[in-house]
N, C-alpha and C. Protein backbone atom coordinates (compact mmCIF):
# COMPACT_ATOMS: atom_id res chain seq x y z
N MET A 1 8.98 -17.53 46.82
CA MET A 1 8.17 -16.34 46.65
C MET A 1 8.74 -15.46 45.53
N ASP A 2 10.06 -15.42 45.46
CA ASP A 2 10.69 -14.61 44.43
C ASP A 2 10.39 -15.15 43.03
N GLY A 3 10.32 -16.47 42.89
CA GLY A 3 10.00 -17.09 41.60
C GLY A 3 8.58 -16.79 41.16
N LEU A 4 7.65 -16.71 42.11
CA LEU A 4 6.26 -16.39 41.76
C LEU A 4 6.14 -14.98 41.22
N HIS A 5 6.89 -14.05 41.81
CA HIS A 5 6.84 -12.67 41.31
C HIS A 5 7.36 -12.59 39.89
N ARG A 6 8.44 -13.31 39.59
CA ARG A 6 9.00 -13.30 38.24
C ARG A 6 8.01 -13.90 37.24
N LEU A 7 7.33 -14.98 37.64
CA LEU A 7 6.36 -15.62 36.76
C LEU A 7 5.19 -14.68 36.47
N SER A 8 4.69 -14.02 37.49
CA SER A 8 3.56 -13.11 37.27
C SER A 8 3.99 -11.90 36.44
N ASP A 9 5.24 -11.43 36.62
CA ASP A 9 5.73 -10.32 35.80
C ASP A 9 5.83 -10.72 34.33
N ARG A 10 6.30 -11.95 34.09
CA ARG A 10 6.43 -12.42 32.71
C ARG A 10 5.06 -12.57 32.06
N LYS A 11 4.08 -13.09 32.82
CA LYS A 11 2.72 -13.22 32.27
C LYS A 11 2.15 -11.84 31.95
N ARG A 12 2.37 -10.90 32.86
CA ARG A 12 1.87 -9.56 32.65
C ARG A 12 2.52 -8.93 31.41
N ALA A 13 3.78 -9.19 31.20
CA ALA A 13 4.49 -8.62 30.05
C ALA A 13 4.00 -9.21 28.74
N THR A 14 3.67 -10.49 28.73
CA THR A 14 3.20 -11.10 27.48
C THR A 14 1.74 -10.80 27.22
N VAL A 15 0.95 -10.63 28.27
CA VAL A 15 -0.47 -10.35 28.07
C VAL A 15 -0.68 -8.89 27.68
N GLY A 16 0.09 -8.00 28.26
CA GLY A 16 -0.06 -6.57 28.00
C GLY A 16 0.51 -6.18 26.66
N SER A 17 0.59 -4.94 26.41
CA SER A 17 1.05 -4.21 25.23
C SER A 17 1.62 -5.03 24.08
N ALA A 18 0.78 -5.47 23.20
CA ALA A 18 1.13 -6.09 21.92
C ALA A 18 2.09 -7.25 22.03
N GLY A 19 1.93 -8.08 22.99
CA GLY A 19 2.68 -9.33 23.00
C GLY A 19 3.99 -9.31 23.74
N GLY A 20 4.20 -8.43 24.68
CA GLY A 20 5.40 -8.50 25.50
C GLY A 20 6.42 -7.43 25.17
N SER A 21 7.59 -7.58 25.78
CA SER A 21 8.65 -6.59 25.60
C SER A 21 9.29 -6.76 24.23
N CYS A 22 10.17 -5.82 23.89
CA CYS A 22 10.85 -5.88 22.59
C CYS A 22 11.72 -7.12 22.48
N ALA A 23 12.37 -7.47 23.59
CA ALA A 23 13.25 -8.64 23.56
C ALA A 23 12.44 -9.91 23.34
N GLU A 24 11.29 -10.01 24.00
CA GLU A 24 10.46 -11.21 23.82
C GLU A 24 9.90 -11.28 22.41
N ARG A 25 9.49 -10.14 21.88
CA ARG A 25 8.99 -10.14 20.51
C ARG A 25 10.10 -10.49 19.52
N GLY A 26 11.30 -10.01 19.79
CA GLY A 26 12.43 -10.33 18.93
C GLY A 26 12.76 -11.80 18.96
N ARG A 27 12.64 -12.41 20.14
CA ARG A 27 12.91 -13.85 20.25
C ARG A 27 11.88 -14.66 19.47
N ARG A 28 10.66 -14.18 19.44
CA ARG A 28 9.61 -14.90 18.72
C ARG A 28 9.59 -14.55 17.24
N GLY A 29 10.44 -13.64 16.80
CA GLY A 29 10.51 -13.29 15.38
C GLY A 29 9.49 -12.27 14.96
N VAL A 30 8.92 -11.56 15.89
CA VAL A 30 7.93 -10.54 15.57
C VAL A 30 8.63 -9.19 15.62
N ALA A 31 8.74 -8.54 14.49
CA ALA A 31 9.42 -7.25 14.44
C ALA A 31 8.53 -6.17 15.02
N ARG A 32 9.15 -5.08 15.37
CA ARG A 32 8.41 -3.97 15.96
C ARG A 32 7.46 -3.38 14.91
N GLY A 33 6.21 -3.22 15.27
CA GLY A 33 5.22 -2.65 14.37
C GLY A 33 4.51 -3.67 13.50
N MET A 34 4.95 -4.90 13.48
CA MET A 34 4.26 -5.91 12.67
C MET A 34 3.00 -6.38 13.37
N HIS A 35 2.06 -6.83 12.59
CA HIS A 35 0.82 -7.36 13.15
C HIS A 35 1.08 -8.75 13.70
N THR A 36 0.72 -8.95 14.93
CA THR A 36 0.84 -10.29 15.51
C THR A 36 -0.50 -10.99 15.36
N PRO A 37 -0.52 -12.18 14.82
CA PRO A 37 -1.79 -12.88 14.65
C PRO A 37 -2.39 -13.23 16.00
N PRO A 38 -3.70 -13.35 16.09
CA PRO A 38 -4.32 -13.70 17.36
C PRO A 38 -3.88 -15.09 17.81
N ALA A 39 -3.99 -15.30 19.11
CA ALA A 39 -3.55 -16.58 19.68
C ALA A 39 -4.35 -17.71 19.08
N GLY A 40 -3.68 -18.76 18.64
CA GLY A 40 -4.35 -19.92 18.09
C GLY A 40 -4.52 -19.87 16.58
N ALA A 41 -4.19 -18.75 15.96
CA ALA A 41 -4.34 -18.65 14.51
C ALA A 41 -3.13 -19.30 13.85
N SER A 42 -3.40 -20.10 12.85
CA SER A 42 -2.30 -20.78 12.17
C SER A 42 -1.85 -19.96 10.96
N ASN A 43 -0.74 -20.35 10.39
CA ASN A 43 -0.23 -19.67 9.21
C ASN A 43 -1.15 -19.87 8.02
N VAL A 44 -1.83 -21.01 7.98
CA VAL A 44 -2.75 -21.28 6.87
C VAL A 44 -3.91 -20.30 6.89
N GLU A 45 -4.44 -20.03 8.08
CA GLU A 45 -5.55 -19.08 8.17
C GLU A 45 -5.09 -17.67 7.83
N ALA A 46 -3.88 -17.32 8.24
CA ALA A 46 -3.35 -16.00 7.90
C ALA A 46 -3.14 -15.88 6.39
N ALA A 47 -2.68 -16.95 5.76
CA ALA A 47 -2.50 -16.95 4.31
C ALA A 47 -3.85 -16.84 3.60
N LYS A 48 -4.86 -17.55 4.12
CA LYS A 48 -6.20 -17.46 3.53
C LYS A 48 -6.74 -16.04 3.64
N GLU A 49 -6.52 -15.42 4.79
CA GLU A 49 -7.01 -14.06 4.99
C GLU A 49 -6.32 -13.08 4.04
N SER A 50 -5.01 -13.22 3.89
CA SER A 50 -4.30 -12.33 2.98
C SER A 50 -4.71 -12.59 1.53
N LEU A 51 -4.99 -13.84 1.19
CA LEU A 51 -5.46 -14.17 -0.16
C LEU A 51 -6.84 -13.57 -0.41
N ARG A 52 -7.69 -13.61 0.61
CA ARG A 52 -9.01 -12.99 0.47
C ARG A 52 -8.88 -11.49 0.22
N LEU A 53 -7.97 -10.85 0.95
CA LEU A 53 -7.77 -9.42 0.76
C LEU A 53 -7.24 -9.10 -0.63
N VAL A 54 -6.32 -9.93 -1.10
CA VAL A 54 -5.77 -9.72 -2.44
C VAL A 54 -6.87 -9.84 -3.49
N PHE A 55 -7.70 -10.87 -3.39
CA PHE A 55 -8.79 -11.05 -4.36
C PHE A 55 -9.81 -9.93 -4.25
N PHE A 56 -10.09 -9.49 -3.01
CA PHE A 56 -11.05 -8.40 -2.82
C PHE A 56 -10.55 -7.13 -3.52
N PHE A 57 -9.29 -6.76 -3.29
CA PHE A 57 -8.77 -5.55 -3.91
C PHE A 57 -8.63 -5.72 -5.42
N PHE A 58 -8.34 -6.94 -5.88
CA PHE A 58 -8.27 -7.19 -7.32
C PHE A 58 -9.63 -6.98 -7.96
N PHE A 59 -10.69 -7.51 -7.34
CA PHE A 59 -12.02 -7.36 -7.91
C PHE A 59 -12.51 -5.92 -7.83
N VAL A 60 -12.15 -5.22 -6.75
CA VAL A 60 -12.53 -3.81 -6.67
C VAL A 60 -11.83 -3.02 -7.77
N GLU A 61 -10.56 -3.29 -7.97
CA GLU A 61 -9.82 -2.61 -9.04
C GLU A 61 -10.38 -2.97 -10.41
N LEU A 62 -10.74 -4.22 -10.60
CA LEU A 62 -11.34 -4.65 -11.86
C LEU A 62 -12.68 -3.97 -12.09
N LEU A 63 -13.47 -3.83 -11.03
CA LEU A 63 -14.75 -3.15 -11.14
C LEU A 63 -14.57 -1.69 -11.53
N ILE A 64 -13.64 -1.02 -10.87
CA ILE A 64 -13.39 0.39 -11.20
C ILE A 64 -12.91 0.52 -12.63
N PHE A 65 -11.98 -0.35 -13.03
CA PHE A 65 -11.47 -0.29 -14.41
C PHE A 65 -12.58 -0.55 -15.41
N SER A 66 -13.43 -1.55 -15.13
CA SER A 66 -14.50 -1.87 -16.09
C SER A 66 -15.51 -0.73 -16.18
N LEU A 67 -15.79 -0.07 -15.05
CA LEU A 67 -16.71 1.06 -15.12
C LEU A 67 -16.13 2.18 -15.99
N PHE A 68 -14.85 2.50 -15.78
CA PHE A 68 -14.23 3.53 -16.60
C PHE A 68 -14.15 3.10 -18.05
N PHE A 69 -13.80 1.83 -18.29
CA PHE A 69 -13.64 1.35 -19.66
C PHE A 69 -14.96 1.38 -20.40
N PHE A 70 -16.03 0.85 -19.75
CA PHE A 70 -17.31 0.79 -20.44
C PHE A 70 -17.92 2.18 -20.58
N SER A 71 -17.67 3.07 -19.64
CA SER A 71 -18.17 4.43 -19.82
C SER A 71 -17.44 5.11 -20.97
N PHE A 72 -16.12 4.82 -21.11
CA PHE A 72 -15.37 5.37 -22.25
C PHE A 72 -15.90 4.81 -23.56
N VAL A 73 -16.15 3.49 -23.60
CA VAL A 73 -16.68 2.87 -24.82
C VAL A 73 -18.05 3.44 -25.15
N HIS A 74 -18.88 3.61 -24.11
CA HIS A 74 -20.22 4.16 -24.33
C HIS A 74 -20.12 5.58 -24.88
N LEU A 75 -19.24 6.37 -24.30
CA LEU A 75 -19.05 7.73 -24.78
C LEU A 75 -18.55 7.74 -26.22
N HIS A 76 -17.64 6.84 -26.52
CA HIS A 76 -17.10 6.73 -27.88
C HIS A 76 -18.20 6.36 -28.87
N VAL A 77 -19.04 5.40 -28.50
CA VAL A 77 -20.13 4.97 -29.39
C VAL A 77 -21.13 6.11 -29.59
N VAL A 78 -21.46 6.81 -28.51
CA VAL A 78 -22.40 7.92 -28.64
C VAL A 78 -21.83 9.00 -29.54
N LEU A 79 -20.56 9.32 -29.35
CA LEU A 79 -19.94 10.34 -30.20
C LEU A 79 -19.87 9.89 -31.65
N MET A 80 -19.53 8.63 -31.87
CA MET A 80 -19.45 8.14 -33.25
C MET A 80 -20.83 8.14 -33.91
N CYS A 81 -21.85 7.75 -33.16
CA CYS A 81 -23.21 7.78 -33.73
C CYS A 81 -23.63 9.20 -34.04
N THR A 82 -23.29 10.13 -33.15
CA THR A 82 -23.63 11.53 -33.39
C THR A 82 -22.90 12.06 -34.62
N ILE A 83 -21.61 11.75 -34.71
CA ILE A 83 -20.83 12.20 -35.87
C ILE A 83 -21.37 11.57 -37.15
N MET A 84 -21.70 10.29 -37.10
CA MET A 84 -22.23 9.63 -38.29
C MET A 84 -23.59 10.20 -38.67
N GLN A 85 -24.40 10.53 -37.65
CA GLN A 85 -25.71 11.10 -37.93
C GLN A 85 -25.55 12.45 -38.63
N TYR A 86 -24.68 13.30 -38.09
CA TYR A 86 -24.48 14.60 -38.72
C TYR A 86 -23.76 14.48 -40.05
N SER A 87 -22.83 13.53 -40.15
CA SER A 87 -22.13 13.37 -41.43
C SER A 87 -23.09 12.83 -42.48
N SER A 88 -24.01 11.95 -42.08
CA SER A 88 -24.98 11.46 -43.07
C SER A 88 -25.91 12.59 -43.49
N ARG A 89 -26.27 13.46 -42.56
CA ARG A 89 -27.08 14.63 -42.94
C ARG A 89 -26.29 15.52 -43.90
N LEU A 90 -25.00 15.66 -43.61
CA LEU A 90 -24.15 16.49 -44.47
C LEU A 90 -24.03 15.88 -45.86
N VAL A 91 -23.88 14.56 -45.92
CA VAL A 91 -23.78 13.88 -47.21
C VAL A 91 -25.08 14.03 -47.99
N VAL A 92 -26.21 13.86 -47.29
CA VAL A 92 -27.50 14.02 -47.96
C VAL A 92 -27.66 15.45 -48.45
N THR A 93 -27.25 16.42 -47.62
CA THR A 93 -27.37 17.82 -48.03
C THR A 93 -26.47 18.12 -49.22
N LEU A 94 -25.22 17.63 -49.16
CA LEU A 94 -24.31 17.84 -50.29
C LEU A 94 -24.81 17.13 -51.55
N GLY A 95 -25.36 15.94 -51.35
CA GLY A 95 -25.91 15.21 -52.50
C GLY A 95 -27.08 15.95 -53.13
N THR A 96 -27.93 16.50 -52.30
CA THR A 96 -29.07 17.26 -52.80
C THR A 96 -28.60 18.51 -53.53
N LEU A 97 -27.63 19.21 -52.92
CA LEU A 97 -27.11 20.41 -53.57
C LEU A 97 -26.43 20.08 -54.89
N SER A 98 -25.62 19.04 -54.89
CA SER A 98 -24.93 18.68 -56.13
C SER A 98 -25.92 18.20 -57.18
N HIS A 99 -26.95 17.48 -56.74
CA HIS A 99 -27.96 17.02 -57.69
C HIS A 99 -28.69 18.21 -58.31
N SER A 100 -29.08 19.15 -57.48
CA SER A 100 -29.79 20.32 -58.01
C SER A 100 -28.86 21.16 -58.89
N PHE A 101 -27.57 21.26 -58.50
CA PHE A 101 -26.61 22.02 -59.32
C PHE A 101 -26.41 21.35 -60.67
N PHE A 102 -26.16 20.02 -60.63
CA PHE A 102 -25.91 19.33 -61.90
C PHE A 102 -27.17 19.27 -62.76
N SER A 103 -28.32 19.12 -62.12
CA SER A 103 -29.54 19.08 -62.93
C SER A 103 -29.80 20.44 -63.57
N SER A 104 -29.57 21.52 -62.82
CA SER A 104 -29.75 22.84 -63.43
C SER A 104 -28.68 23.11 -64.48
N PHE A 105 -27.45 22.62 -64.22
CA PHE A 105 -26.37 22.77 -65.20
C PHE A 105 -26.70 22.02 -66.49
N LEU A 106 -27.17 20.78 -66.34
CA LEU A 106 -27.55 20.00 -67.52
C LEU A 106 -28.73 20.63 -68.25
N LYS A 107 -29.68 21.13 -67.47
CA LYS A 107 -30.85 21.75 -68.09
C LYS A 107 -30.42 22.99 -68.89
N ASN A 108 -29.55 23.80 -68.29
CA ASN A 108 -29.05 25.00 -68.99
C ASN A 108 -28.22 24.61 -70.21
N ALA A 109 -27.42 23.55 -70.07
CA ALA A 109 -26.59 23.12 -71.20
C ALA A 109 -27.47 22.62 -72.34
N LEU A 110 -28.49 21.86 -72.02
CA LEU A 110 -29.40 21.36 -73.06
C LEU A 110 -30.18 22.50 -73.70
N LEU A 111 -30.59 23.47 -72.90
CA LEU A 111 -31.32 24.61 -73.45
C LEU A 111 -30.43 25.44 -74.37
N SER A 112 -29.16 25.59 -73.96
CA SER A 112 -28.26 26.38 -74.80
C SER A 112 -27.90 25.63 -76.08
N LEU A 113 -27.85 24.29 -76.04
CA LEU A 113 -27.56 23.52 -77.24
C LEU A 113 -28.75 23.53 -78.21
N SER A 114 -29.95 23.51 -77.65
CA SER A 114 -31.13 23.46 -78.50
C SER A 114 -31.46 24.83 -79.08
N ALA A 115 -31.00 25.89 -78.50
CA ALA A 115 -31.35 27.23 -78.98
C ALA A 115 -30.48 27.73 -80.08
């Protein structure tokens, strides 16, 4: 009868609170606070699951980086196009002003030479 009580206590200890007492977890190599895999799970499945998580977080990080990168590139292109648009207007304006200045200068020079 005494052996049955010990057996039921041991079963209760392993079924309850995260896999048994500290001593039993220590014997099985499970440190305090570590995740214990579900019963029947192999190391291969645990490795596959951790690999899936690594790839998931890698792709999420890649997605976030690509969104920031492409938004930066888009902003850069928009700014460059705007600057080029205004600079081309400025060049056209300066060209027109210089053309009118030089044409009036040449006209005045020719008039003064002919007079």
